[in-house]
Amino acid sequence: VDEEHKTALVPFVEAIVPEVDVANGYLTINPPGGLIPGLS
């Protein structure tokens, strides 16, 4: 996690990124516990 910019690298696999909406410019993530520090 880049604390200054609040970014994190997330594996782009269906279990973690179940929804990608290219037309509307967003994706949904479902990170397992511990993947992103500060989230529980």
PDB file of N, CA and C in Angstrom:
ATOM      1  N   VAL A   1       0.847  -1.186   0.000  1.00  0.00           N
ATOM      2  CA  VAL A   1       0.000   0.000   0.000  1.00  0.00           C
ATOM      3  C   VAL A   1       0.881   1.234   0.000  1.00  0.00           C
ATOM      4  N   ASP A   2       0.589   2.150  -0.881  1.00  0.00           N
ATOM      5  CA  ASP A   2       1.267   3.438  -0.942  1.00  0.00           C
ATOM      6  C   ASP A   2       0.464   4.393  -0.070  1.00  0.00           C
ATOM      7  N   GLU A   3       0.939   4.654   1.147  1.00  0.00           N
ATOM      8  CA  GLU A   3       0.184   5.474   2.101  1.00  0.00           C
ATOM      9  C   GLU A   3      -0.060   6.894   1.602  1.00  0.00           C
ATOM     10  N   GLU A   4       0.878   7.450   0.847  1.00  0.00           N
ATOM     11  CA  GLU A   4       0.701   8.823   0.362  1.00  0.00           C
ATOM     12  C   GLU A   4      -0.447   8.918  -0.637  1.00  0.00           C
ATOM     13  N   HIS A   5      -0.543   7.949  -1.531  1.00  0.00           N
ATOM     14  CA  HIS A   5      -1.553   7.992  -2.583  1.00  0.00           C
ATOM     15  C   HIS A   5      -2.705   7.029  -2.353  1.00  0.00           C
ATOM     16  N   LYS A   6      -2.643   6.255  -1.283  1.00  0.00           N
ATOM     17  CA  LYS A   6      -3.705   5.306  -0.939  1.00  0.00           C
ATOM     18  C   LYS A   6      -3.990   4.334  -2.083  1.00  0.00           C
ATOM     19  N   THR A   7      -2.936   3.688  -2.578  1.00  0.00           N
ATOM     20  CA  THR A   7      -3.082   2.676  -3.609  1.00  0.00           C
ATOM     21  C   THR A   7      -2.558   1.343  -3.090  1.00  0.00           C
ATOM     22  N   ALA A   8      -3.029   0.268  -3.668  1.00  0.00           N
ATOM     23  CA  ALA A   8      -2.570  -1.071  -3.309  1.00  0.00           C
ATOM     24  C   ALA A   8      -2.582  -1.939  -4.560  1.00  0.00           C
ATOM     25  N   LEU A   9      -1.642  -2.871  -4.631  1.00  0.00           N
ATOM     26  CA  LEU A   9      -1.629  -3.839  -5.719  1.00  0.00           C
ATOM     27  C   LEU A   9      -2.500  -5.016  -5.307  1.00  0.00           C
ATOM     28  N   VAL A  10      -3.438  -5.375  -6.157  1.00  0.00           N
ATOM     29  CA  VAL A  10      -4.395  -6.442  -5.865  1.00  0.00           C
ATOM     30  C   VAL A  10      -4.330  -7.457  -7.006  1.00  0.00           C
ATOM     31  N   PRO A  11      -4.210  -8.752  -6.689  1.00  0.00           N
ATOM     32  CA  PRO A  11      -4.218  -9.754  -7.760  1.00  0.00           C
ATOM     33  C   PRO A  11      -5.519  -9.674  -8.563  1.00  0.00           C
ATOM     34  N   PHE A  12      -5.393  -9.618  -9.880  1.00  0.00           N
ATOM     35  CA  PHE A  12      -6.572  -9.480 -10.744  1.00  0.00           C
ATOM     36  C   PHE A  12      -7.100 -10.863 -11.104  1.00  0.00           C
ATOM     37  N   VAL A  13      -7.786 -11.475 -10.140  1.00  0.00           N
ATOM     38  CA  VAL A  13      -8.401 -12.788 -10.330  1.00  0.00           C
ATOM     39  C   VAL A  13      -9.876 -12.674  -9.964  1.00  0.00           C
ATOM     40  N   GLU A  14     -10.713 -13.524 -10.534  1.00  0.00           N
ATOM     41  CA  GLU A  14     -12.161 -13.409 -10.349  1.00  0.00           C
ATOM     42  C   GLU A  14     -12.592 -13.493  -8.887  1.00  0.00           C
ATOM     43  N   ALA A  15     -11.884 -14.270  -8.073  1.00  0.00           N
ATOM     44  CA  ALA A  15     -12.253 -14.400  -6.659  1.00  0.00           C
ATOM     45  C   ALA A  15     -12.110 -13.078  -5.905  1.00  0.00           C
ATOM     46  N   ILE A  16     -11.185 -12.225  -6.345  1.00  0.00           N
ATOM     47  CA  ILE A  16     -10.944 -10.945  -5.665  1.00  0.00           C
ATOM     48  C   ILE A  16     -11.584  -9.785  -6.417  1.00  0.00           C
ATOM     49  N   VAL A  17     -11.643  -9.870  -7.739  1.00  0.00           N
ATOM     50  CA  VAL A  17     -12.246  -8.820  -8.576  1.00  0.00           C
ATOM     51  C   VAL A  17     -13.423  -9.448  -9.332  1.00  0.00           C
ATOM     52  N   PRO A  18     -14.570  -9.604  -8.653  1.00  0.00           N
ATOM     53  CA  PRO A  18     -15.691 -10.311  -9.276  1.00  0.00           C
ATOM     54  C   PRO A  18     -16.463  -9.515 -10.330  1.00  0.00           C
ATOM     55  N   GLU A  19     -16.299  -8.193 -10.348  1.00  0.00           N
ATOM     56  CA  GLU A  19     -17.077  -7.376 -11.289  1.00  0.00           C
ATOM     57  C   GLU A  19     -16.203  -6.294 -11.904  1.00  0.00           C
ATOM     58  N   VAL A  20     -16.197  -6.242 -13.234  1.00  0.00           N
ATOM     59  CA  VAL A  20     -15.497  -5.194 -13.976  1.00  0.00           C
ATOM     60  C   VAL A  20     -16.509  -4.570 -14.923  1.00  0.00           C
ATOM     61  N   ASP A  21     -16.753  -3.279 -14.755  1.00  0.00           N
ATOM     62  CA  ASP A  21     -17.702  -2.556 -15.601  1.00  0.00           C
ATOM     63  C   ASP A  21     -16.918  -1.514 -16.395  1.00  0.00           C
ATOM     64  N   VAL A  22     -16.470  -1.918 -17.561  1.00  0.00           N
ATOM     65  CA  VAL A  22     -15.647  -1.036 -18.396  1.00  0.00           C
ATOM     66  C   VAL A  22     -16.455   0.173 -18.863  1.00  0.00           C
ATOM     67  N   ALA A  23     -17.685  -0.036 -19.254  1.00  0.00           N
ATOM     68  CA  ALA A  23     -18.520   1.050 -19.773  1.00  0.00           C
ATOM     69  C   ALA A  23     -18.691   2.177 -18.761  1.00  0.00           C
ATOM     70  N   ASN A  24     -18.819   1.836 -17.479  1.00  0.00           N
ATOM     71  CA  ASN A  24     -19.012   2.847 -16.445  1.00  0.00           C
ATOM     72  C   ASN A  24     -17.735   3.184 -15.684  1.00  0.00           C
ATOM     73  N   GLY A  25     -16.635   2.527 -16.026  1.00  0.00           N
ATOM     74  CA  GLY A  25     -15.336   2.876 -15.467  1.00  0.00           C
ATOM     75  C   GLY A  25     -15.113   2.489 -14.017  1.00  0.00           C
ATOM     76  N   TYR A  26     -15.606   1.324 -13.601  1.00  0.00           N
ATOM     77  CA  TYR A  26     -15.339   0.893 -12.229  1.00  0.00           C
ATOM     78  C   TYR A  26     -15.212  -0.618 -12.144  1.00  0.00           C
ATOM     79  N   LEU A  27     -14.638  -1.066 -11.039  1.00  0.00           N
ATOM     80  CA  LEU A  27     -14.598  -2.485 -10.728  1.00  0.00           C
ATOM     81  C   LEU A  27     -14.881  -2.658  -9.248  1.00  0.00           C
ATOM     82  N   THR A  28     -15.301  -3.852  -8.886  1.00  0.00           N
ATOM     83  CA  THR A  28     -15.614  -4.181  -7.505  1.00  0.00           C
ATOM     84  C   THR A  28     -14.574  -5.171  -7.015  1.00  0.00           C
ATOM     85  N   ILE A  29     -14.040  -4.943  -5.815  1.00  0.00           N
ATOM     86  CA  ILE A  29     -13.100  -5.910  -5.259  1.00  0.00           C
ATOM     87  C   ILE A  29     -13.666  -6.504  -3.980  1.00  0.00           C
ATOM     88  N   ASN A  30     -13.264  -7.736  -3.714  1.00  0.00           N
ATOM     89  CA  ASN A  30     -13.649  -8.460  -2.518  1.00  0.00           C
ATOM     90  C   ASN A  30     -12.363  -9.041  -1.924  1.00  0.00           C
ATOM     91  N   PRO A  31     -11.524  -8.183  -1.311  1.00  0.00           N
ATOM     92  CA  PRO A  31     -10.216  -8.645  -0.841  1.00  0.00           C
ATOM     93  C   PRO A  31     -10.326  -9.518   0.408  1.00  0.00           C
ATOM     94  N   PRO A  32      -9.550 -10.599   0.455  1.00  0.00           N
ATOM     95  CA  PRO A  32      -9.536 -11.400   1.671  1.00  0.00           C
ATOM     96  C   PRO A  32      -8.851 -10.626   2.796  1.00  0.00           C
ATOM     97  N   GLY A  33      -9.172 -10.966   4.033  1.00  0.00           N
ATOM     98  CA  GLY A  33      -8.571 -10.291   5.179  1.00  0.00           C
ATOM     99  C   GLY A  33      -7.055 -10.292   5.108  1.00  0.00           C
ATOM    100  N   GLY A  34      -6.449  -9.143   5.384  1.00  0.00           N
ATOM    101  CA  GLY A  34      -5.002  -9.014   5.389  1.00  0.00           C
ATOM    102  C   GLY A  34      -4.392  -8.611   4.063  1.00  0.00           C
ATOM    103  N   LEU A  35      -5.154  -8.649   2.980  1.00  0.00           N
ATOM    104  CA  LEU A  35      -4.585  -8.283   1.680  1.00  0.00           C
ATOM    105  C   LEU A  35      -4.262  -6.797   1.624  1.00  0.00           C
ATOM    106  N   ILE A  36      -5.145  -5.976   2.166  1.00  0.00           N
ATOM    107  CA  ILE A  36      -4.941  -4.527   2.163  1.00  0.00           C
ATOM    108  C   ILE A  36      -4.827  -4.063   3.609  1.00  0.00           C
ATOM    109  N   PRO A  37      -3.634  -3.648   4.026  1.00  0.00           N
ATOM    110  CA  PRO A  37      -3.451  -3.204   5.411  1.00  0.00           C
ATOM    111  C   PRO A  37      -4.419  -2.074   5.770  1.00  0.00           C
ATOM    112  N   GLY A  38      -4.974  -2.147   6.965  1.00  0.00           N
ATOM    113  CA  GLY A  38      -5.905  -1.126   7.417  1.00  0.00           C
ATOM    114  C   GLY A  38      -7.354  -1.502   7.199  1.00  0.00           C
ATOM    115  N   LEU A  39      -7.603  -2.512   6.374  1.00  0.00           N
ATOM    116  CA  LEU A  39      -8.967  -3.010   6.180  1.00  0.00           C
ATOM    117  C   LEU A  39      -9.108  -4.318   6.937  1.00  0.00           C
ATOM    118  N   SER A  40     -10.276  -4.537   7.487  1.00  0.00           N
ATOM    119  CA  SER A  40     -10.478  -5.811   8.195  1.00  0.00           C
ATOM    120  C   SER A  40     -11.507  -6.661   7.500  1.00  0.00           C
TER     121      SER A  40
END
